[in-house]
């Protein structure tokens, strides 16, 4: 009986840590991608870098949503098992912040790149 409870505790702790890791990655990924895109000085490369940031922010958004789901499930499992759920709570908070941050970066840069591409297309059409 004792072995089963220890296995359950390890499983819920692993789930909580998984949710926390997904949340941390969703928070850090847009920052790393924006640092990479700032390293480019050429206009064409900068547009490509911005598109890369948009794609990476979309990946961070997806990872944040997965982190929210994992953390919420781990909190519920820890509550049912009568264990501490602090890692699940931290993972949930970090995942929510990372998801919101990635969504903002995705939307803002998506609009900016769309505007730049439209202006560029209009300039090419009028030339």
N, C-alpha and C. Protein backbone atom coordinates (compact mmCIF):
# COMPACT_ATOMS: atom_id res chain seq x y z
N UNK A 1 0.82 -1.19 0.00
CA UNK A 1 0.00 0.00 0.00
C UNK A 1 0.87 1.26 0.00
N UNK A 2 1.93 1.23 0.77
CA UNK A 2 2.83 2.38 0.86
C UNK A 2 3.50 2.67 -0.49
N UNK A 3 3.86 1.62 -1.18
CA UNK A 3 4.52 1.76 -2.48
C UNK A 3 3.60 2.47 -3.48
N UNK A 4 2.30 2.15 -3.46
CA UNK A 4 1.35 2.75 -4.37
C UNK A 4 1.21 4.25 -4.12
N UNK A 5 1.18 4.66 -2.85
CA UNK A 5 1.06 6.08 -2.52
C UNK A 5 2.31 6.84 -2.95
N UNK A 6 3.50 6.24 -2.78
CA UNK A 6 4.73 6.88 -3.21
C UNK A 6 4.77 7.03 -4.73
N UNK A 7 4.31 6.02 -5.45
CA UNK A 7 4.24 6.11 -6.91
C UNK A 7 3.30 7.22 -7.34
N UNK A 8 2.16 7.33 -6.65
CA UNK A 8 1.20 8.38 -6.96
C UNK A 8 1.81 9.75 -6.71
N UNK A 9 2.57 9.87 -5.61
CA UNK A 9 3.18 11.15 -5.27
C UNK A 9 4.22 11.53 -6.32
N UNK A 10 5.02 10.56 -6.76
CA UNK A 10 6.01 10.84 -7.79
C UNK A 10 5.34 11.26 -9.09
N UNK A 11 4.25 10.61 -9.44
CA UNK A 11 3.55 10.93 -10.67
C UNK A 11 2.98 12.34 -10.64
N UNK A 12 2.33 12.73 -9.54
CA UNK A 12 1.76 14.07 -9.47
C UNK A 12 2.86 15.13 -9.43
N UNK A 13 3.96 14.83 -8.77
CA UNK A 13 5.07 15.79 -8.74
C UNK A 13 5.67 15.95 -10.13
N UNK A 14 5.80 14.85 -10.86
CA UNK A 14 6.31 14.92 -12.23
C UNK A 14 5.37 15.73 -13.12
N UNK A 15 4.07 15.55 -12.95
CA UNK A 15 3.11 16.32 -13.72
C UNK A 15 3.21 17.81 -13.41
N UNK A 16 3.38 18.14 -12.13
CA UNK A 16 3.51 19.54 -11.75
C UNK A 16 4.78 20.15 -12.34
N UNK A 17 5.88 19.41 -12.30
CA UNK A 17 7.13 19.90 -12.86
C UNK A 17 7.02 20.05 -14.38
N UNK A 18 6.32 19.13 -15.03
CA UNK A 18 6.12 19.21 -16.48
C UNK A 18 5.36 20.48 -16.85
N UNK A 19 4.30 20.78 -16.11
CA UNK A 19 3.54 22.00 -16.37
C UNK A 19 4.38 23.24 -16.14
N UNK A 20 5.22 23.22 -15.11
CA UNK A 20 6.11 24.35 -14.83
C UNK A 20 7.14 24.54 -15.94
N UNK A 21 7.69 23.45 -16.44
CA UNK A 21 8.69 23.54 -17.52
C UNK A 21 8.05 24.08 -18.79
N UNK A 22 6.87 23.59 -19.14
CA UNK A 22 6.18 24.11 -20.33
C UNK A 22 5.90 25.61 -20.18
N UNK A 23 5.48 26.02 -19.00
CA UNK A 23 5.23 27.44 -18.76
C UNK A 23 6.49 28.27 -18.87
N UNK A 24 7.59 27.78 -18.31
CA UNK A 24 8.86 28.52 -18.38
C UNK A 24 9.34 28.64 -19.83
N UNK A 25 9.20 27.58 -20.58
CA UNK A 25 9.61 27.63 -21.99
C UNK A 25 8.75 28.62 -22.76
N UNK A 26 7.44 28.63 -22.49
CA UNK A 26 6.56 29.57 -23.19
C UNK A 26 6.87 31.01 -22.82
N UNK A 27 7.44 31.23 -21.65
CA UNK A 27 7.81 32.58 -21.23
C UNK A 27 9.14 33.00 -21.83
N UNK A 28 10.05 32.06 -22.00
CA UNK A 28 11.39 32.39 -22.48
C UNK A 28 11.53 32.38 -24.00
N UNK A 29 10.77 31.58 -24.69
CA UNK A 29 10.93 31.43 -26.14
C UNK A 29 10.78 32.74 -26.92
N UNK A 30 9.76 33.57 -26.67
CA UNK A 30 9.67 34.83 -27.42
C UNK A 30 10.86 35.76 -27.18
N UNK A 31 11.41 35.74 -25.97
CA UNK A 31 12.58 36.58 -25.68
C UNK A 31 13.79 36.13 -26.47
N UNK A 32 14.02 34.83 -26.51
CA UNK A 32 15.16 34.30 -27.25
C UNK A 32 15.01 34.60 -28.74
N UNK A 33 13.83 34.43 -29.27
CA UNK A 33 13.62 34.68 -30.70
C UNK A 33 13.77 36.15 -31.04
N UNK A 34 13.35 37.05 -30.14
CA UNK A 34 13.52 38.47 -30.43
C UNK A 34 14.98 38.89 -30.36
N UNK A 35 15.76 38.26 -29.49
CA UNK A 35 17.20 38.54 -29.44
C UNK A 35 17.86 38.09 -30.75
N UNK A 36 17.45 36.96 -31.25
CA UNK A 36 18.00 36.46 -32.51
C UNK A 36 17.64 37.38 -33.66
N UNK A 37 16.41 37.87 -33.69
CA UNK A 37 15.99 38.72 -34.79
C UNK A 37 16.65 40.10 -34.74
N UNK A 38 17.02 40.57 -33.55
CA UNK A 38 17.71 41.86 -33.44
C UNK A 38 19.13 41.80 -33.94
N UNK A 39 19.68 40.62 -34.06
CA UNK A 39 21.06 40.46 -34.52
C UNK A 39 21.20 40.76 -36.01
N UNK A 40 20.08 40.80 -36.72
CA UNK A 40 20.14 41.06 -38.15
C UNK A 40 20.03 42.57 -38.40
N UNK A 41 20.83 43.07 -39.34
CA UNK A 41 20.80 44.50 -39.66
C UNK A 41 20.24 44.76 -41.05
N UNK A 42 20.25 43.78 -41.90
CA UNK A 42 19.73 43.91 -43.25
C UNK A 42 18.20 43.94 -43.21
N UNK A 43 17.57 44.73 -44.08
CA UNK A 43 16.11 44.88 -44.08
C UNK A 43 15.40 43.57 -44.41
N UNK A 44 15.88 42.87 -45.44
CA UNK A 44 15.25 41.59 -45.80
C UNK A 44 15.43 40.56 -44.70
N UNK A 45 16.63 40.55 -44.11
CA UNK A 45 16.88 39.61 -43.02
C UNK A 45 16.06 39.97 -41.79
N UNK A 46 15.84 41.28 -41.58
CA UNK A 46 15.03 41.70 -40.43
C UNK A 46 13.59 41.25 -40.59
N UNK A 47 13.06 41.32 -41.82
CA UNK A 47 11.70 40.85 -42.06
C UNK A 47 11.63 39.34 -41.84
N UNK A 48 12.63 38.63 -42.32
CA UNK A 48 12.68 37.19 -42.08
C UNK A 48 12.81 36.87 -40.60
N UNK A 49 13.60 37.69 -39.88
CA UNK A 49 13.73 37.51 -38.43
C UNK A 49 12.42 37.75 -37.72
N UNK A 50 11.66 38.76 -38.18
CA UNK A 50 10.36 39.05 -37.56
C UNK A 50 9.38 37.89 -37.82
N UNK A 51 9.44 37.34 -39.00
CA UNK A 51 8.57 36.19 -39.30
C UNK A 51 8.97 35.00 -38.43
N UNK A 52 10.27 34.82 -38.20
CA UNK A 52 10.73 33.74 -37.32
C UNK A 52 10.22 33.97 -35.89
N UNK A 53 10.23 35.22 -35.44
CA UNK A 53 9.72 35.54 -34.10
C UNK A 53 8.23 35.21 -34.02
N UNK A 54 7.49 35.49 -35.07
CA UNK A 54 6.05 35.18 -35.08
C UNK A 54 5.84 33.66 -34.97
N UNK A 55 6.60 32.90 -35.73
CA UNK A 55 6.45 31.45 -35.70
C UNK A 55 6.85 30.89 -34.33
N UNK A 56 7.95 31.40 -33.79
CA UNK A 56 8.40 30.93 -32.47
C UNK A 56 7.41 31.34 -31.39
N UNK A 57 6.82 32.54 -31.53
CA UNK A 57 5.81 32.97 -30.56
C UNK A 57 4.57 32.10 -30.63
N UNK A 58 4.22 31.66 -31.82
CA UNK A 58 3.09 30.73 -31.96
C UNK A 58 3.40 29.41 -31.26
N UNK A 59 4.64 28.93 -31.41
CA UNK A 59 5.04 27.71 -30.71
C UNK A 59 4.99 27.92 -29.20
N UNK A 60 5.44 29.10 -28.74
CA UNK A 60 5.41 29.41 -27.30
C UNK A 60 3.97 29.48 -26.81
N UNK A 61 3.08 30.01 -27.63
CA UNK A 61 1.67 30.07 -27.27
C UNK A 61 1.09 28.67 -27.09
N UNK A 62 1.42 27.78 -27.99
CA UNK A 62 0.94 26.39 -27.89
C UNK A 62 1.52 25.70 -26.65
N UNK A 63 2.82 25.91 -26.40
CA UNK A 63 3.44 25.31 -25.22
C UNK A 63 2.84 25.87 -23.93
N UNK A 64 2.50 27.16 -23.93
CA UNK A 64 1.86 27.75 -22.76
C UNK A 64 0.50 27.14 -22.48
N UNK A 65 -0.26 26.90 -23.53
CA UNK A 65 -1.58 26.27 -23.36
C UNK A 65 -1.42 24.85 -22.82
N UNK A 66 -0.43 24.13 -23.36
CA UNK A 66 -0.16 22.78 -22.84
C UNK A 66 0.24 22.86 -21.37
N UNK A 67 1.05 23.86 -21.01
CA UNK A 67 1.47 24.05 -19.62
C UNK A 67 0.29 24.33 -18.69
N UNK A 68 -0.66 25.12 -19.18
CA UNK A 68 -1.87 25.41 -18.38
C UNK A 68 -2.65 24.12 -18.13
N UNK A 69 -2.83 23.35 -19.18
CA UNK A 69 -3.59 22.10 -19.07
C UNK A 69 -2.88 21.11 -18.12
N UNK A 70 -1.56 20.96 -18.31
CA UNK A 70 -0.79 20.04 -17.46
C UNK A 70 -0.82 20.49 -16.00
N UNK A 71 -0.61 21.79 -15.76
CA UNK A 71 -0.56 22.29 -14.39
C UNK A 71 -1.91 22.17 -13.69
N UNK A 72 -2.97 22.48 -14.41
CA UNK A 72 -4.31 22.36 -13.81
C UNK A 72 -4.62 20.90 -13.48
N UNK A 73 -4.27 19.99 -14.39
CA UNK A 73 -4.49 18.58 -14.12
C UNK A 73 -3.64 18.07 -12.96
N UNK A 74 -2.40 18.56 -12.87
CA UNK A 74 -1.52 18.14 -11.78
C UNK A 74 -2.02 18.68 -10.44
N UNK A 75 -2.53 19.90 -10.44
CA UNK A 75 -3.09 20.46 -9.19
C UNK A 75 -4.28 19.63 -8.73
N UNK A 76 -5.12 19.25 -9.67
CA UNK A 76 -6.30 18.45 -9.32
C UNK A 76 -5.88 17.08 -8.78
N UNK A 77 -4.89 16.46 -9.44
CA UNK A 77 -4.41 15.15 -8.99
C UNK A 77 -3.75 15.24 -7.62
N UNK A 78 -3.02 16.32 -7.38
CA UNK A 78 -2.36 16.50 -6.08
C UNK A 78 -3.40 16.73 -4.98
N UNK A 79 -4.44 17.46 -5.30
CA UNK A 79 -5.51 17.70 -4.33
C UNK A 79 -6.20 16.39 -3.97
N UNK A 80 -6.50 15.59 -4.99
CA UNK A 80 -7.16 14.30 -4.74
C UNK A 80 -6.28 13.35 -3.95
N UNK A 81 -4.95 13.44 -4.15
CA UNK A 81 -4.03 12.55 -3.44
C UNK A 81 -3.63 13.12 -2.08
N UNK A 82 -4.07 14.34 -1.78
CA UNK A 82 -3.75 14.96 -0.50
C UNK A 82 -2.30 15.41 -0.40
N UNK A 83 -1.72 15.80 -1.53
CA UNK A 83 -0.32 16.22 -1.57
C UNK A 83 -0.22 17.73 -1.74
N UNK A 84 1.01 18.22 -1.60
CA UNK A 84 1.25 19.64 -1.84
C UNK A 84 1.09 19.93 -3.32
N UNK A 85 0.54 21.09 -3.62
CA UNK A 85 0.32 21.46 -5.01
C UNK A 85 0.99 22.78 -5.38
N UNK A 86 2.04 23.15 -4.65
CA UNK A 86 2.70 24.43 -4.89
C UNK A 86 3.35 24.49 -6.27
N UNK A 87 4.00 23.41 -6.71
CA UNK A 87 4.61 23.41 -8.04
C UNK A 87 3.55 23.52 -9.14
N UNK A 88 2.41 22.90 -8.92
CA UNK A 88 1.32 23.02 -9.88
C UNK A 88 0.78 24.43 -9.96
N UNK A 89 0.70 25.09 -8.80
CA UNK A 89 0.23 26.47 -8.77
C UNK A 89 1.22 27.40 -9.47
N UNK A 90 2.49 27.23 -9.16
CA UNK A 90 3.52 28.05 -9.82
C UNK A 90 3.54 27.77 -11.32
N UNK A 91 3.43 26.51 -11.70
CA UNK A 91 3.38 26.16 -13.12
C UNK A 91 2.18 26.76 -13.82
N UNK A 92 1.05 26.80 -13.14
CA UNK A 92 -0.15 27.39 -13.72
C UNK A 92 0.03 28.89 -13.93
N UNK A 93 0.58 29.57 -12.93
CA UNK A 93 0.80 31.01 -13.04
C UNK A 93 1.80 31.33 -14.14
N UNK A 94 2.92 30.62 -14.15
CA UNK A 94 3.94 30.86 -15.17
C UNK A 94 3.40 30.55 -16.57
N UNK A 95 2.61 29.49 -16.69
CA UNK A 95 2.03 29.13 -17.98
C UNK A 95 1.04 30.19 -18.46
N UNK A 96 0.25 30.73 -17.56
CA UNK A 96 -0.71 31.77 -17.95
C UNK A 96 0.04 33.02 -18.40
N UNK A 97 1.04 33.43 -17.63
CA UNK A 97 1.82 34.62 -18.00
C UNK A 97 2.53 34.40 -19.33
N UNK A 98 3.14 33.23 -19.51
CA UNK A 98 3.82 32.91 -20.76
C UNK A 98 2.88 32.87 -21.95
N UNK A 99 1.69 32.35 -21.75
CA UNK A 99 0.71 32.29 -22.83
C UNK A 99 0.26 33.68 -23.24
N UNK A 100 -0.04 34.53 -22.26
CA UNK A 100 -0.47 35.90 -22.56
C UNK A 100 0.66 36.66 -23.25
N UNK A 101 1.87 36.52 -22.74
CA UNK A 101 3.02 37.20 -23.34
C UNK A 101 3.25 36.74 -24.78
N UNK A 102 3.23 35.45 -25.00
CA UNK A 102 3.42 34.92 -26.36
C UNK A 102 2.30 35.37 -27.29
N UNK A 103 1.07 35.42 -26.78
CA UNK A 103 -0.05 35.88 -27.61
C UNK A 103 0.12 37.34 -27.99
N UNK A 104 0.55 38.17 -27.05
CA UNK A 104 0.78 39.58 -27.36
C UNK A 104 1.87 39.75 -28.41
N UNK A 105 2.97 39.06 -28.23
CA UNK A 105 4.06 39.14 -29.21
C UNK A 105 3.58 38.65 -30.57
N UNK A 106 2.85 37.56 -30.58
CA UNK A 106 2.34 36.99 -31.84
C UNK A 106 1.42 37.97 -32.55
N UNK A 107 0.50 38.57 -31.82
CA UNK A 107 -0.47 39.49 -32.43
C UNK A 107 0.21 40.78 -32.87
N UNK A 108 1.01 41.38 -31.99
CA UNK A 108 1.64 42.66 -32.31
C UNK A 108 2.59 42.52 -33.49
N UNK A 109 3.46 41.54 -33.46
CA UNK A 109 4.40 41.36 -34.57
C UNK A 109 3.69 40.91 -35.83
N UNK A 110 2.64 40.14 -35.69
CA UNK A 110 1.88 39.72 -36.86
C UNK A 110 1.29 40.90 -37.58
N UNK A 111 0.73 41.85 -36.84
CA UNK A 111 0.16 43.05 -37.44
C UNK A 111 1.26 43.90 -38.07
N UNK A 112 2.39 44.06 -37.36
CA UNK A 112 3.49 44.87 -37.89
C UNK A 112 4.06 44.29 -39.17
N UNK A 113 4.29 43.00 -39.20
CA UNK A 113 4.84 42.37 -40.40
C UNK A 113 3.84 42.44 -41.54
N UNK A 114 2.57 42.26 -41.24
CA UNK A 114 1.55 42.35 -42.28
C UNK A 114 1.53 43.76 -42.88
N UNK A 115 1.65 44.79 -42.02
CA UNK A 115 1.67 46.17 -42.52
C UNK A 115 2.90 46.43 -43.39
N UNK A 116 4.05 45.96 -42.95
CA UNK A 116 5.28 46.15 -43.72
C UNK A 116 5.19 45.44 -45.06
N UNK A 117 4.68 44.24 -45.06
CA UNK A 117 4.56 43.50 -46.32
C UNK A 117 3.55 44.15 -47.26
N UNK A 118 2.47 44.70 -46.71
CA UNK A 118 1.48 45.39 -47.55
C UNK A 118 2.06 46.66 -48.14
N UNK A 119 2.79 47.43 -47.35
CA UNK A 119 3.42 48.64 -47.85
C UNK A 119 4.45 48.30 -48.92
N UNK A 120 5.22 47.25 -48.68
CA UNK A 120 6.20 46.81 -49.67
C UNK A 120 5.55 46.36 -50.95
N UNK A 121 4.46 45.64 -50.84
CA UNK A 121 3.75 45.19 -52.04
C UNK A 121 3.15 46.36 -52.81
N UNK A 122 2.63 47.33 -52.08
CA UNK A 122 2.06 48.53 -52.72
C UNK A 122 3.16 49.34 -53.42
N UNK A 123 4.33 49.41 -52.79
CA UNK A 123 5.44 50.14 -53.39
C UNK A 123 5.92 49.44 -54.66
N UNK A 124 5.96 48.12 -54.65
CA UNK A 124 6.36 47.38 -55.83
C UNK A 124 5.32 47.49 -56.94
N UNK A 125 4.06 47.54 -56.56
CA UNK A 125 3.00 47.63 -57.56
C UNK A 125 2.98 49.00 -58.23
N UNK A 126 3.31 50.04 -57.47
CA UNK A 126 3.27 51.39 -58.04
C UNK A 126 4.54 51.71 -58.83
N UNK A 127 5.57 50.91 -58.66
CA UNK A 127 6.85 51.20 -59.36
C UNK A 127 6.87 50.70 -60.77
